[in-house]
C-alpha atoms as a PDB file:
ATOM      1  CA  UNK A   1     -46.239 -23.424 -70.024  1.00  0.00           C
ATOM      2  CA  UNK A   2     -46.832 -21.253 -72.792  1.00  0.00           C
ATOM      3  CA  UNK A   3     -44.555 -18.352 -71.445  1.00  0.00           C
ATOM      4  CA  UNK A   4     -41.661 -20.828 -71.091  1.00  0.00           C
ATOM      5  CA  UNK A   5     -42.311 -22.090 -74.859  1.00  0.00           C
ATOM      6  CA  UNK A   6     -42.332 -18.688 -75.973  1.00  0.00           C
ATOM      7  CA  UNK A   7     -39.259 -17.745 -74.021  1.00  0.00           C
ATOM      8  CA  UNK A   8     -37.723 -20.917 -75.761  1.00  0.00           C
ATOM      9  CA  UNK A   9     -38.538 -19.866 -79.260  1.00  0.00           C
ATOM     10  CA  UNK A  10     -37.424 -16.396 -78.518  1.00  0.00           C
ATOM     11  CA  UNK A  11     -33.981 -17.749 -77.549  1.00  0.00           C
ATOM     12  CA  UNK A  12     -33.627 -19.678 -80.406  1.00  0.00           C
ATOM     13  CA  UNK A  13     -34.605 -16.631 -82.347  1.00  0.00           C
ATOM     14  CA  UNK A  14     -31.924 -14.040 -80.800  1.00  0.00           C
ATOM     15  CA  UNK A  15     -29.344 -16.648 -81.628  1.00  0.00           C
ATOM     16  CA  UNK A  16     -30.179 -17.644 -85.109  1.00  0.00           C
ATOM     17  CA  UNK A  17     -30.593 -13.865 -86.005  1.00  0.00           C
ATOM     18  CA  UNK A  18     -27.523 -12.696 -84.012  1.00  0.00           C
ATOM     19  CA  UNK A  19     -29.218 -10.029 -82.165  1.00  0.00           C
ATOM     20  CA  UNK A  20     -26.585  -7.260 -81.661  1.00  0.00           C
ATOM     21  CA  UNK A  21     -27.403  -6.601 -78.080  1.00  0.00           C
ATOM     22  CA  UNK A  22     -27.841 -10.313 -77.080  1.00  0.00           C
ATOM     23  CA  UNK A  23     -24.553 -11.168 -78.786  1.00  0.00           C
ATOM     24  CA  UNK A  24     -22.645  -8.356 -77.188  1.00  0.00           C
ATOM     25  CA  UNK A  25     -24.146  -9.388 -73.841  1.00  0.00           C
ATOM     26  CA  UNK A  26     -22.906 -12.937 -74.547  1.00  0.00           C
ATOM     27  CA  UNK A  27     -19.546 -12.360 -75.523  1.00  0.00           C
ATOM     28  CA  UNK A  28     -19.038 -10.037 -72.500  1.00  0.00           C
ATOM     29  CA  UNK A  29     -20.075 -12.412 -70.051  1.00  0.00           C
ATOM     30  CA  UNK A  30     -17.795 -15.079 -71.842  1.00  0.00           C
ATOM     31  CA  UNK A  31     -14.837 -12.490 -71.616  1.00  0.00           C
ATOM     32  CA  UNK A  32     -15.367 -11.809 -67.838  1.00  0.00           C
ATOM     33  CA  UNK A  33     -16.007 -15.124 -66.797  1.00  0.00           C
ATOM     34  CA  UNK A  34     -13.464 -16.484 -68.942  1.00  0.00           C
ATOM     35  CA  UNK A  35     -10.722 -13.976 -67.712  1.00  0.00           C
ATOM     36  CA  UNK A  36     -11.652 -14.500 -64.027  1.00  0.00           C
ATOM     37  CA  UNK A  37     -11.605 -18.074 -64.398  1.00  0.00           C
ATOM     38  CA  UNK A  38      -8.091 -17.971 -65.925  1.00  0.00           C
ATOM     39  CA  UNK A  39      -6.845 -15.687 -63.176  1.00  0.00           C
ATOM     40  CA  UNK A  40      -8.422 -18.032 -60.338  1.00  0.00           C
ATOM     41  CA  UNK A  41      -6.687 -21.047 -62.071  1.00  0.00           C
ATOM     42  CA  UNK A  42      -3.198 -19.622 -61.990  1.00  0.00           C
ATOM     43  CA  UNK A  43      -3.990 -18.594 -58.219  1.00  0.00           C
ATOM     44  CA  UNK A  44      -6.065 -21.547 -56.921  1.00  0.00           C
ATOM     45  CA  UNK A  45      -3.698 -24.167 -58.494  1.00  0.00           C
ATOM     46  CA  UNK A  46      -0.362 -22.549 -57.439  1.00  0.00           C
ATOM     47  CA  UNK A  47      -1.792 -22.113 -54.034  1.00  0.00           C
ATOM     48  CA  UNK A  48      -3.345 -25.225 -53.644  1.00  0.00           C
ATOM     49  CA  UNK A  49      -0.455 -27.248 -54.687  1.00  0.00           C
ATOM     50  CA  UNK A  50       1.911 -25.244 -52.075  1.00  0.00           C
ATOM     51  CA  UNK A  51      -0.240 -25.871 -49.240  1.00  0.00           C
ATOM     52  CA  UNK A  52      -0.853 -29.674 -50.475  1.00  0.00           C
ATOM     53  CA  UNK A  53       3.066 -30.103 -50.438  1.00  0.00           C
ATOM     54  CA  UNK A  54       4.219 -28.340 -47.450  1.00  0.00           C
ATOM     55  CA  UNK A  55       3.782 -28.423 -43.562  1.00  0.00           C
ATOM     56  CA  UNK A  56       3.645 -25.393 -41.522  1.00  0.00           C
ATOM     57  CA  UNK A  57       2.116 -24.011 -38.433  1.00  0.00           C
ATOM     58  CA  UNK A  58      -1.587 -23.132 -39.036  1.00  0.00           C
ATOM     59  CA  UNK A  59      -1.766 -25.282 -41.997  1.00  0.00           C
ATOM     60  CA  UNK A  60      -5.155 -26.763 -40.751  1.00  0.00           C
ATOM     61  CA  UNK A  61      -6.864 -23.425 -40.076  1.00  0.00           C
ATOM     62  CA  UNK A  62      -5.844 -22.439 -43.676  1.00  0.00           C
ATOM     63  CA  UNK A  63      -7.318 -25.376 -45.305  1.00  0.00           C
ATOM     64  CA  UNK A  64     -10.597 -24.986 -43.139  1.00  0.00           C
ATOM     65  CA  UNK A  65     -10.536 -21.304 -44.614  1.00  0.00           C
ATOM     66  CA  UNK A  66     -10.203 -22.359 -48.025  1.00  0.00           C
ATOM     67  CA  UNK A  67     -13.048 -24.781 -47.706  1.00  0.00           C
ATOM     68  CA  UNK A  68     -14.996 -22.200 -46.182  1.00  0.00           C
ATOM     69  CA  UNK A  69     -14.169 -20.075 -49.038  1.00  0.00           C
ATOM     70  CA  UNK A  70     -15.871 -22.550 -51.576  1.00  0.00           C
ATOM     71  CA  UNK A  71     -19.111 -21.505 -50.266  1.00  0.00           C
ATOM     72  CA  UNK A  72     -18.418 -17.667 -50.318  1.00  0.00           C
ATOM     73  CA  UNK A  73     -21.739 -15.858 -50.967  1.00  0.00           C
ATOM     74  CA  UNK A  74     -21.349 -13.772 -54.150  1.00  0.00           C
ATOM     75  CA  UNK A  75     -23.167 -10.784 -52.576  1.00  0.00           C
ATOM     76  CA  UNK A  76     -20.713 -10.391 -49.725  1.00  0.00           C
ATOM     77  CA  UNK A  77     -18.007 -10.479 -52.205  1.00  0.00           C
ATOM     78  CA  UNK A  78     -19.679  -7.827 -54.242  1.00  0.00           C
ATOM     79  CA  UNK A  79     -20.224  -5.845 -50.968  1.00  0.00           C
ATOM     80  CA  UNK A  80     -16.826  -5.675 -50.056  1.00  0.00           C
ATOM     81  CA  UNK A  81     -15.319  -5.176 -53.342  1.00  0.00           C
ATOM     82  CA  UNK A  82     -17.730  -2.152 -53.776  1.00  0.00           C
ATOM     83  CA  UNK A  83     -16.515  -0.621 -50.490  1.00  0.00           C
ATOM     84  CA  UNK A  84     -12.720  -1.030 -51.365  1.00  0.00           C
ATOM     85  CA  UNK A  85     -13.257   0.308 -55.084  1.00  0.00           C
ATOM     86  CA  UNK A  86     -15.695   2.821 -53.940  1.00  0.00           C
ATOM     87  CA  UNK A  87     -14.709   6.783 -54.434  1.00  0.00           C
ATOM     88  CA  UNK A  88     -13.618   6.948 -50.806  1.00  0.00           C
ATOM     89  CA  UNK A  89     -12.576   3.505 -50.634  1.00  0.00           C
ATOM     90  CA  UNK A  90      -8.658   2.163 -50.214  1.00  0.00           C
ATOM     91  CA  UNK A  91      -8.739   1.266 -54.128  1.00  0.00           C
ATOM     92  CA  UNK A  92     -10.818   4.211 -55.021  1.00  0.00           C
ATOM     93  CA  UNK A  93      -8.261   5.748 -57.155  1.00  0.00           C
ATOM     94  CA  UNK A  94      -8.452   3.048 -59.628  1.00  0.00           C
ATOM     95  CA  UNK A  95     -11.565   4.213 -60.606  1.00  0.00           C
ATOM     96  CA  UNK A  96     -12.764   0.716 -61.939  1.00  0.00           C
ATOM     97  CA  UNK A  97     -16.051   0.230 -59.867  1.00  0.00           C
ATOM     98  CA  UNK A  98     -19.204  -0.028 -62.380  1.00  0.00           C
ATOM     99  CA  UNK A  99     -16.812  -1.584 -65.048  1.00  0.00           C
ATOM    100  CA  UNK A 100     -16.297  -5.061 -66.519  1.00  0.00           C
ATOM    101  CA  UNK A 101     -12.986  -4.948 -64.967  1.00  0.00           C
ATOM    102  CA  UNK A 102     -14.769  -4.652 -61.244  1.00  0.00           C
ATOM    103  CA  UNK A 103     -16.754  -7.669 -62.281  1.00  0.00           C
ATOM    104  CA  UNK A 104     -13.686  -9.533 -63.148  1.00  0.00           C
ATOM    105  CA  UNK A 105     -11.994  -8.903 -59.710  1.00  0.00           C
ATOM    106  CA  UNK A 106     -15.234 -10.063 -57.844  1.00  0.00           C
ATOM    107  CA  UNK A 107     -15.788 -13.164 -59.762  1.00  0.00           C
ATOM    108  CA  UNK A 108     -12.032 -13.990 -59.530  1.00  0.00           C
ATOM    109  CA  UNK A 109     -12.440 -13.763 -55.911  1.00  0.00           C
ATOM    110  CA  UNK A 110     -15.791 -16.050 -56.111  1.00  0.00           C
ATOM    111  CA  UNK A 111     -13.763 -18.804 -58.368  1.00  0.00           C
ATOM    112  CA  UNK A 112     -10.308 -18.755 -56.577  1.00  0.00           C
ATOM    113  CA  UNK A 113     -11.325 -20.675 -53.488  1.00  0.00           C
ATOM    114  CA  UNK A 114     -13.145 -22.870 -55.569  1.00  0.00           C
ATOM    115  CA  UNK A 115     -10.102 -23.750 -57.704  1.00  0.00           C
ATOM    116  CA  UNK A 116      -7.790 -23.821 -54.825  1.00  0.00           C
ATOM    117  CA  UNK A 117     -10.084 -26.188 -52.657  1.00  0.00           C
ATOM    118  CA  UNK A 118     -10.399 -28.666 -55.455  1.00  0.00           C
ATOM    119  CA  UNK A 119      -6.446 -28.342 -56.379  1.00  0.00           C
ATOM    120  CA  UNK A 120      -5.731 -28.927 -52.689  1.00  0.00           C
ATOM    121  CA  UNK A 121      -7.715 -32.001 -52.819  1.00  0.00           C
ATOM    122  CA  UNK A 122      -6.393 -33.564 -55.941  1.00  0.00           C
ATOM    123  CA  UNK A 123      -2.708 -33.081 -54.794  1.00  0.00           C
ATOM    124  CA  UNK A 124      -3.349 -34.479 -51.558  1.00  0.00           C
ATOM    125  CA  UNK A 125      -4.627 -37.503 -53.080  1.00  0.00           C
ATOM    126  CA  UNK A 126      -1.535 -38.358 -54.996  1.00  0.00           C
ATOM    127  CA  UNK A 127       0.536 -41.015 -53.312  1.00  0.00           C
ATOM    128  CA  UNK A 128       3.170 -39.534 -51.067  1.00  0.00           C
ATOM    129  CA  UNK A 129       5.625 -41.989 -52.377  1.00  0.00           C
ATOM    130  CA  UNK A 130       5.353 -40.548 -55.819  1.00  0.00           C
ATOM    131  CA  UNK A 131       7.240 -37.274 -54.710  1.00  0.00           C
ATOM    132  CA  UNK A 132       9.999 -39.373 -53.306  1.00  0.00           C
ATOM    133  CA  UNK A 133      10.045 -41.221 -56.664  1.00  0.00           C
ATOM    134  CA  UNK A 134      10.428 -38.514 -58.705  1.00  0.00           C
ATOM    135  CA  UNK A 135      13.235 -36.611 -56.700  1.00  0.00           C
ATOM    136  CA  UNK A 136      14.933 -40.234 -56.747  1.00  0.00           C
ATOM    137  CA  UNK A 137      14.972 -40.125 -60.480  1.00  0.00           C
ATOM    138  CA  UNK A 138      16.948 -36.541 -60.423  1.00  0.00           C
ATOM    139  CA  UNK A 139      14.294 -34.180 -60.585  1.00  0.00           C
ATOM    140  CA  UNK A 140      14.603 -31.085 -58.895  1.00  0.00           C
ATOM    141  CA  UNK A 141      11.684 -29.485 -57.011  1.00  0.00           C
ATOM    142  CA  UNK A 142      10.248 -27.601 -59.776  1.00  0.00           C
ATOM    143  CA  UNK A 143      10.133 -30.402 -62.020  1.00  0.00           C
ATOM    144  CA  UNK A 144       8.579 -32.730 -59.453  1.00  0.00           C
ATOM    145  CA  UNK A 145       5.722 -30.062 -58.633  1.00  0.00           C
ATOM    146  CA  UNK A 146       4.966 -30.114 -62.716  1.00  0.00           C
ATOM    147  CA  UNK A 147       4.834 -33.583 -63.113  1.00  0.00           C
ATOM    148  CA  UNK A 148       2.651 -33.921 -59.988  1.00  0.00           C
ATOM    149  CA  UNK A 149       0.469 -31.265 -61.471  1.00  0.00           C
ATOM    150  CA  UNK A 150       0.300 -33.355 -64.637  1.00  0.00           C
ATOM    151  CA  UNK A 151      -0.734 -36.532 -62.642  1.00  0.00           C
ATOM    152  CA  UNK A 152      -3.508 -34.513 -61.079  1.00  0.00           C
ATOM    153  CA  UNK A 153      -4.871 -32.805 -64.307  1.00  0.00           C
ATOM    154  CA  UNK A 154      -7.984 -34.637 -64.403  1.00  0.00           C
ATOM    155  CA  UNK A 155      -9.473 -33.314 -61.171  1.00  0.00           C
ATOM    156  CA  UNK A 156      -7.706 -29.943 -61.802  1.00  0.00           C
ATOM    157  CA  UNK A 157      -9.851 -29.890 -64.832  1.00  0.00           C
ATOM    158  CA  UNK A 158     -12.975 -30.374 -62.797  1.00  0.00           C
ATOM    159  CA  UNK A 159     -11.574 -27.408 -60.667  1.00  0.00           C
ATOM    160  CA  UNK A 160     -11.859 -25.240 -64.105  1.00  0.00           C
ATOM    161  CA  UNK A 161     -15.291 -26.424 -64.516  1.00  0.00           C
ATOM    162  CA  UNK A 162     -16.456 -25.726 -61.048  1.00  0.00           C
ATOM    163  CA  UNK A 163     -14.697 -22.435 -60.976  1.00  0.00           C
ATOM    164  CA  UNK A 164     -16.199 -21.339 -64.526  1.00  0.00           C
ATOM    165  CA  UNK A 165     -19.380 -22.601 -63.484  1.00  0.00           C
ATOM    166  CA  UNK A 166     -19.596 -20.721 -60.136  1.00  0.00           C
ATOM    167  CA  UNK A 167     -18.737 -17.506 -61.873  1.00  0.00           C
ATOM    168  CA  UNK A 168     -20.858 -17.640 -65.243  1.00  0.00           C
ATOM    169  CA  UNK A 169     -24.154 -18.027 -63.269  1.00  0.00           C
ATOM    170  CA  UNK A 170     -22.999 -15.356 -60.589  1.00  0.00           C
ATOM    171  CA  UNK A 171     -25.469 -12.500 -60.395  1.00  0.00           C
ATOM    172  CA  UNK A 172     -25.403 -10.627 -57.076  1.00  0.00           C
ATOM    173  CA  UNK A 173     -21.638  -9.530 -57.160  1.00  0.00           C
ATOM    174  CA  UNK A 174     -21.912  -8.645 -60.774  1.00  0.00           C
ATOM    175  CA  UNK A 175     -24.938  -6.310 -60.378  1.00  0.00           C
ATOM    176  CA  UNK A 176     -23.162  -4.579 -57.338  1.00  0.00           C
ATOM    177  CA  UNK A 177     -19.913  -3.797 -58.632  1.00  0.00           C
ATOM    178  CA  UNK A 178     -20.686  -3.520 -62.456  1.00  0.00           C
ATOM    179  CA  UNK A 179     -23.908  -1.468 -62.372  1.00  0.00           C
ATOM    180  CA  UNK A 180     -25.548  -3.573 -65.041  1.00  0.00           C
ATOM    181  CA  UNK A 181     -24.990  -0.784 -67.476  1.00  0.00           C
ATOM    182  CA  UNK A 182     -26.235  -1.292 -71.095  1.00  0.00           C
ATOM    183  CA  UNK A 183     -23.722  -1.952 -73.575  1.00  0.00           C
ATOM    184  CA  UNK A 184     -20.924  -1.530 -71.120  1.00  0.00           C
ATOM    185  CA  UNK A 185     -21.286  -4.040 -68.073  1.00  0.00           C
ATOM    186  CA  UNK A 186     -24.426  -5.838 -68.444  1.00  0.00           C
ATOM    187  CA  UNK A 187     -23.999  -9.552 -68.679  1.00  0.00           C
ATOM    188  CA  UNK A 188     -26.482 -12.470 -69.032  1.00  0.00           C
ATOM    189  CA  UNK A 189     -27.215 -12.892 -65.318  1.00  0.00           C
ATOM    190  CA  UNK A 190     -28.060  -9.109 -64.871  1.00  0.00           C
ATOM    191  CA  UNK A 191     -29.958  -8.679 -67.805  1.00  0.00           C
ATOM    192  CA  UNK A 192     -32.116 -11.575 -66.884  1.00  0.00           C
ATOM    193  CA  UNK A 193     -32.743 -10.061 -63.590  1.00  0.00           C
ATOM    194  CA  UNK A 194     -33.417  -6.531 -65.220  1.00  0.00           C
ATOM    195  CA  UNK A 195     -35.850  -8.392 -67.756  1.00  0.00           C
ATOM    196  CA  UNK A 196     -37.653 -10.199 -64.999  1.00  0.00           C
ATOM    197  CA  UNK A 197     -37.998  -6.992 -63.013  1.00  0.00           C
ATOM    198  CA  UNK A 198     -39.610  -5.497 -65.818  1.00  0.00           C
ATOM    199  CA  UNK A 199     -42.062  -8.302 -66.272  1.00  0.00           C
ATOM    200  CA  UNK A 200     -40.398  -9.068 -69.595  1.00  0.00           C
ATOM    201  CA  UNK A 201     -40.621 -12.961 -68.934  1.00  0.00           C
ATOM    202  CA  UNK A 202     -40.296 -14.000 -72.234  1.00  0.00           C
ATOM    203  CA  UNK A 203     -36.900 -12.214 -72.780  1.00  0.00           C
ATOM    204  CA  UNK A 204     -35.739 -13.320 -69.267  1.00  0.00           C
ATOM    205  CA  UNK A 205     -36.013 -17.002 -70.208  1.00  0.00           C
ATOM    206  CA  UNK A 206     -34.628 -16.563 -73.646  1.00  0.00           C
ATOM    207  CA  UNK A 207     -31.395 -15.098 -71.825  1.00  0.00           C
ATOM    208  CA  UNK A 208     -31.342 -17.933 -69.394  1.00  0.00           C
ATOM    209  CA  UNK A 209     -31.714 -20.181 -72.096  1.00  0.00           C
ATOM    210  CA  UNK A 210     -28.670 -18.741 -73.916  1.00  0.00           C
ATOM    211  CA  UNK A 211     -26.650 -18.899 -70.361  1.00  0.00           C
ATOM    212  CA  UNK A 212     -27.595 -22.590 -70.211  1.00  0.00           C
ATOM    213  CA  UNK A 213     -26.472 -22.994 -73.516  1.00  0.00           C
ATOM    214  CA  UNK A 214     -23.365 -21.100 -73.105  1.00  0.00           C
ATOM    215  CA  UNK A 215     -22.488 -22.952 -69.689  1.00  0.00           C
ATOM    216  CA  UNK A 216     -23.173 -26.204 -71.388  1.00  0.00           C
ATOM    217  CA  UNK A 217     -20.944 -25.669 -74.477  1.00  0.00           C
ATOM    218  CA  UNK A 218     -18.013 -24.739 -72.188  1.00  0.00           C
ATOM    219  CA  UNK A 219     -18.441 -27.608 -70.072  1.00  0.00           C
ATOM    220  CA  UNK A 220     -18.823 -29.973 -72.739  1.00  0.00           C
ATOM    221  CA  UNK A 221     -15.361 -28.630 -74.346  1.00  0.00           C
ATOM    222  CA  UNK A 222     -13.808 -29.130 -71.102  1.00  0.00           C
ATOM    223  CA  UNK A 223     -15.135 -32.382 -70.229  1.00  0.00           C
ATOM    224  CA  UNK A 224     -14.220 -33.867 -73.781  1.00  0.00           C
ATOM    225  CA  UNK A 225     -10.856 -32.850 -72.975  1.00  0.00           C
ATOM    226  CA  UNK A 226     -10.955 -34.758 -69.440  1.00  0.00           C
ATOM    227  CA  UNK A 227     -12.417 -37.911 -70.530  1.00  0.00           C
ATOM    228  CA  UNK A 228      -9.872 -38.078 -73.415  1.00  0.00           C
ATOM    229  CA  UNK A 229      -7.202 -37.895 -71.019  1.00  0.00           C
ATOM    230  CA  UNK A 230      -8.596 -40.359 -68.619  1.00  0.00           C
ATOM    231  CA  UNK A 231      -6.344 -43.315 -67.978  1.00  0.00           C
ATOM    232  CA  UNK A 232      -7.498 -46.509 -69.802  1.00  0.00           C
END
């Protein structure tokens, strides 16, 4: 219990003193996970909307794959991204392995199925007659899709929260493709693992508290937006 209290005290000390290393790690974590979430949001909402509004052979199989991808193990993603980005891999010429960019790639792959699955479910829950009413009012297909997305904005915000939560707390893929390099590709989760392995549990707990606070603040902001948009 004393160790936990010391970790919490250390966390607030690092935050209030704006420790340069911890601040850099925190900002990098936010930048990487935020970028991955934005990319996955663009891909996921687009894909989920298309799949929800169209009928084609193999659609059920694709939906099953999307739902399976929502539980994709991060370490598996890290393994395959590492293989593809390895020096002799298909994308080795990019030379981005063990960089923040590689972590963004891995986290985007992790978050995209989550956002896609929730977006697909959100669009499917909209009344089918709503599409016909929108088209009957003279809207073209692009305008109809935009209106449907606006109607499903509340669960889509939940998709953003789920996607961000899935990547900000991810550790396996980040270590494998980022290398946990100090001052370059070290994020809060990988730094926590490293400090734990060294036996520095007070610092590890402090980093964990900072990670929880960061995730809470981001989700609090998104929740406020979501609840403000909730129909009365």
